[in-house]
Every structure is written in structure tokens, then in C-alpha cells.
Amino acid sequence: MPRSRRSGPARWRSVRGPDGRERVTSGTPWEPRVGYSRAVRVGSRVHVSGTTATGPTGRIVGAGDPYRQTVQTLDNIERALSSTRSSLASVVRVRIFVTDIQDFAAIAQALGERFRPIRPAMTLVAVSALVDPAMRVEIEVDAEDPAPRPVRSPRSRRTARAPRGYK
């Protein structure tokens, strides 16, 4: 959702709740008002909310330019993912909402620049409007990080025994 012009630059932070979920806030006034987080990590999964081309000052970047808006949106998504120790390389699902299907070529170019090597599942849908008329594209992603390998202590390696029947 758009930031208030009086709210100043976004202040990104990540907080782990008592439920074990890690929530990322970008500092917009809309997150607490509406009741959502920019991103939520649950175990190895990261879900990033619908994200737009809002710049650090709270204004839309690239008004009228679907390519620039898509690039800024993906930059914002990367920042949300990195706030949870994830990255675009872990993205498995992308949903794109556009207000004008004629913008497809420009949007697809920006998406291809970031996702061509990753090749996640992807859906693009034309919608009648986004929350701010200057917004041309909104994107949400889901990421799945590989399960971390268990850490073995040096002691467990020293005391390891050969399996039975092994000489």
C-alpha cells in the first residue's frame, strides 16, 4: 500500500514473535493499520506480501514506466528477502498483478533479468486497479530456503564408532 508522504523514509526491521515466526516490517504506516507484514518467515519458507515500486521516500518510482516500476518492486522484494536471510535465488513462486496487460513486454523484460536463472512458478494477472493509480505492477513471492545441515560438534566426530560388523 502507498506510504504517507509525511511518514518519511522506510525503516526496515525483522522481529521474531513468540510464535517463532519472523516478521519483516518496512516501516510503512499501512502495515500496522491493515495488520500485515512485508514478509514472514516460517521455518524455511518466506512469504513476501504484495510489493510495489515504492521508493525509500514513500513515493512511487518510475511513474508511467512499467519496466522501472518492476525493477524497483523487485529491489524491494530482494530487500524483504534479505531481511530474513533469504534471496531471490530461493524464490519458488511469483504472482504479478498489472493494471494494463499492454505493459506485459516491459514487465516481462525486468522479470526475465532477475528470474531467468531461477525459473520459479509464475502467474501474471491483469487487474482493474491497484491501491494507488500511479502503480502499474504489484508482485508477491514465496521462497523456500534449503534445509540447513545439522551441525555436528567436534566431540561427536571424535567419539564416532564404526558400525557393527565393520573392521
Protein backbone atom coordinates (compact mmCIF):
# COMPACT_ATOMS: atom_id res chain seq x y z
CA MET A 1 0.00 0.00 0.00
CA PRO A 2 1.23 3.54 -0.55
CA ARG A 3 3.18 5.27 2.15
CA SER A 4 2.03 8.57 3.53
CA ARG A 5 4.15 11.39 2.13
CA ARG A 6 4.57 12.69 5.67
CA SER A 7 5.81 9.37 7.07
CA GLY A 8 9.43 9.76 5.89
CA PRO A 9 11.77 7.00 4.71
CA ALA A 10 11.00 3.38 5.43
CA ARG A 11 12.75 1.73 8.39
CA TRP A 12 13.14 -1.98 7.68
CA ARG A 13 13.46 -4.38 10.58
CA SER A 14 12.89 -8.02 11.38
CA VAL A 15 11.31 -9.28 14.62
CA ARG A 16 10.81 -12.87 15.79
CA GLY A 17 7.49 -13.30 17.56
CA PRO A 18 6.61 -15.68 20.41
CA ASP A 19 5.08 -18.00 17.79
CA GLY A 20 8.52 -18.44 16.17
CA ARG A 21 7.56 -16.53 13.06
CA GLU A 22 9.93 -13.86 11.87
CA ARG A 23 8.13 -10.76 10.62
CA VAL A 24 9.69 -8.03 8.49
CA THR A 25 8.33 -4.50 8.54
CA SER A 26 9.34 -1.83 6.06
CA GLY A 27 8.12 0.93 8.37
CA THR A 28 5.10 1.98 6.34
CA PRO A 29 2.10 3.24 8.28
CA TRP A 30 -0.12 0.75 6.41
CA GLU A 31 1.39 -2.41 7.90
CA PRO A 32 0.14 -1.93 11.50
CA ARG A 33 -3.07 -0.24 10.33
CA VAL A 34 -4.09 -3.05 7.99
CA GLY A 35 -2.41 -5.80 10.04
CA TYR A 36 0.18 -7.31 7.71
CA SER A 37 3.94 -7.73 7.45
CA ARG A 38 6.14 -7.02 4.43
CA ALA A 39 7.47 -10.57 4.76
CA VAL A 40 7.02 -13.51 7.11
CA ARG A 41 9.49 -16.38 7.59
CA VAL A 42 8.14 -19.63 8.99
CA GLY A 43 10.93 -22.20 9.17
CA SER A 44 12.48 -22.46 5.72
CA ARG A 45 9.62 -20.63 3.96
CA VAL A 46 9.45 -16.90 3.33
CA HIS A 47 6.27 -15.20 2.11
CA VAL A 48 6.59 -11.64 0.78
CA SER A 49 3.40 -9.55 0.65
CA GLY A 50 2.26 -7.76 -2.47
CA THR A 51 5.02 -5.25 -3.15
CA THR A 52 5.04 -2.17 -5.36
CA ALA A 53 7.54 0.36 -6.71
CA THR A 54 7.51 2.50 -3.58
CA GLY A 55 10.90 4.15 -3.12
CA PRO A 56 12.67 4.95 0.15
CA THR A 57 10.96 8.36 0.34
CA GLY A 58 7.49 6.79 0.10
CA ARG A 59 6.84 7.90 -3.48
CA ILE A 60 6.26 5.65 -6.48
CA VAL A 61 9.43 5.18 -8.54
CA GLY A 62 9.00 5.22 -12.32
CA ALA A 63 5.52 6.70 -12.61
CA GLY A 64 4.19 5.73 -16.03
CA ASP A 65 7.14 3.36 -16.71
CA PRO A 66 6.22 -0.31 -16.11
CA TYR A 67 9.83 -1.50 -16.58
CA ARG A 68 11.24 0.88 -13.93
CA GLN A 69 8.37 0.09 -11.59
CA THR A 70 9.02 -3.64 -11.94
CA VAL A 71 12.75 -3.16 -11.28
CA GLN A 72 12.02 -1.09 -8.13
CA THR A 73 9.44 -3.62 -6.98
CA LEU A 74 11.96 -6.45 -7.36
CA ASP A 75 14.57 -4.38 -5.48
CA ASN A 76 12.03 -4.01 -2.64
CA ILE A 77 11.34 -7.76 -2.69
CA GLU A 78 15.07 -8.51 -2.56
CA ARG A 79 15.37 -6.25 0.48
CA ALA A 80 12.49 -8.04 2.21
CA LEU A 81 14.03 -11.44 1.45
CA SER A 82 17.47 -10.40 2.64
CA SER A 83 15.89 -9.16 5.90
CA THR A 84 15.02 -12.83 6.54
CA ARG A 85 18.41 -14.15 5.37
CA SER A 86 16.94 -15.32 2.07
CA SER A 87 17.38 -14.19 -1.55
CA LEU A 88 15.78 -14.19 -4.98
CA ALA A 89 17.62 -17.47 -5.66
CA SER A 90 15.24 -19.14 -3.15
CA VAL A 91 12.04 -17.89 -4.82
CA VAL A 92 9.74 -20.73 -5.90
CA ARG A 93 6.52 -18.82 -6.68
CA VAL A 94 5.81 -15.36 -8.13
CA ARG A 95 2.44 -13.63 -8.57
CA ILE A 96 2.32 -10.45 -10.64
CA PHE A 97 -0.66 -8.10 -10.79
CA VAL A 98 -0.68 -5.50 -13.58
CA THR A 99 -3.16 -2.74 -14.34
CA ASP A 100 -2.57 -2.77 -18.12
CA ILE A 101 -1.81 -6.01 -19.96
CA GLN A 102 -0.20 -3.86 -22.69
CA ASP A 103 2.68 -3.38 -20.20
CA PHE A 104 3.49 -7.10 -20.40
CA ALA A 105 6.61 -6.81 -22.60
CA ALA A 106 8.29 -4.23 -20.35
CA ILE A 107 7.36 -6.09 -17.17
CA ALA A 108 8.46 -9.44 -18.63
CA GLN A 109 11.84 -7.93 -19.57
CA ALA A 110 12.50 -6.86 -15.97
CA LEU A 111 11.25 -10.19 -14.59
CA GLY A 112 13.45 -12.13 -17.00
CA GLU A 113 16.54 -10.17 -15.96
CA ARG A 114 16.11 -11.36 -12.37
CA PHE A 115 14.34 -14.71 -12.68
CA ARG A 116 15.69 -16.31 -15.87
CA PRO A 117 18.35 -18.33 -13.97
CA ILE A 118 15.92 -19.21 -11.15
CA ARG A 119 12.80 -20.10 -13.17
CA PRO A 120 10.16 -20.13 -10.38
CA ALA A 121 6.49 -20.90 -10.96
CA MET A 122 4.90 -17.63 -12.07
CA THR A 123 1.46 -16.13 -12.71
CA LEU A 124 0.66 -12.73 -14.23
CA VAL A 125 -2.86 -11.35 -13.89
CA ALA A 126 -4.37 -8.10 -15.19
CA VAL A 127 -6.45 -6.31 -12.54
CA SER A 128 -8.72 -3.30 -12.81
CA ALA A 129 -6.70 -1.19 -10.37
CA LEU A 130 -4.11 -1.16 -7.59
CA VAL A 131 -4.40 0.89 -4.40
CA ASP A 132 -2.62 3.91 -5.95
CA PRO A 133 -3.42 4.92 -9.57
CA ALA A 134 0.31 5.57 -10.21
CA MET A 135 1.10 1.90 -9.54
CA ARG A 136 1.34 -0.26 -12.66
CA VAL A 137 2.58 -3.51 -11.10
CA GLU A 138 2.42 -5.34 -7.76
CA ILE A 139 4.36 -8.55 -7.08
CA GLU A 140 4.32 -11.10 -4.29
CA VAL A 141 6.69 -14.03 -3.90
CA ASP A 142 7.17 -17.19 -1.88
CA ALA A 143 10.67 -18.51 -1.22
CA GLU A 144 11.87 -21.83 0.14
CA ASP A 145 15.36 -21.97 1.57
CA PRO A 146 17.17 -25.31 1.65
CA ALA A 147 17.03 -27.05 4.99
CA PRO A 148 20.15 -26.27 6.98
CA ARG A 149 22.54 -29.16 7.53
CA PRO A 150 22.73 -30.29 11.12
CA VAL A 151 25.86 -29.06 12.84
CA ARG A 152 27.97 -31.81 14.36
CA SER A 153 30.11 -30.94 17.30
CA PRO A 154 33.83 -31.82 17.17
CA ARG A 155 33.26 -34.19 20.10
CA SER A 156 30.68 -36.25 18.20
CA ARG A 157 33.18 -36.80 15.37
CA ARG A 158 35.92 -37.97 17.78
CA THR A 159 33.71 -40.45 19.56
CA ALA A 160 32.02 -41.84 16.46
CA ARG A 161 32.30 -45.64 16.28
CA ALA A 162 32.41 -47.87 13.29
CA PRO A 163 29.14 -49.69 12.55
CA ARG A 164 28.77 -53.24 13.88
CA GLY A 165 30.45 -55.85 11.75
CA TYR A 166 32.85 -53.29 10.27
CA LYS A 167 36.55 -53.88 10.71
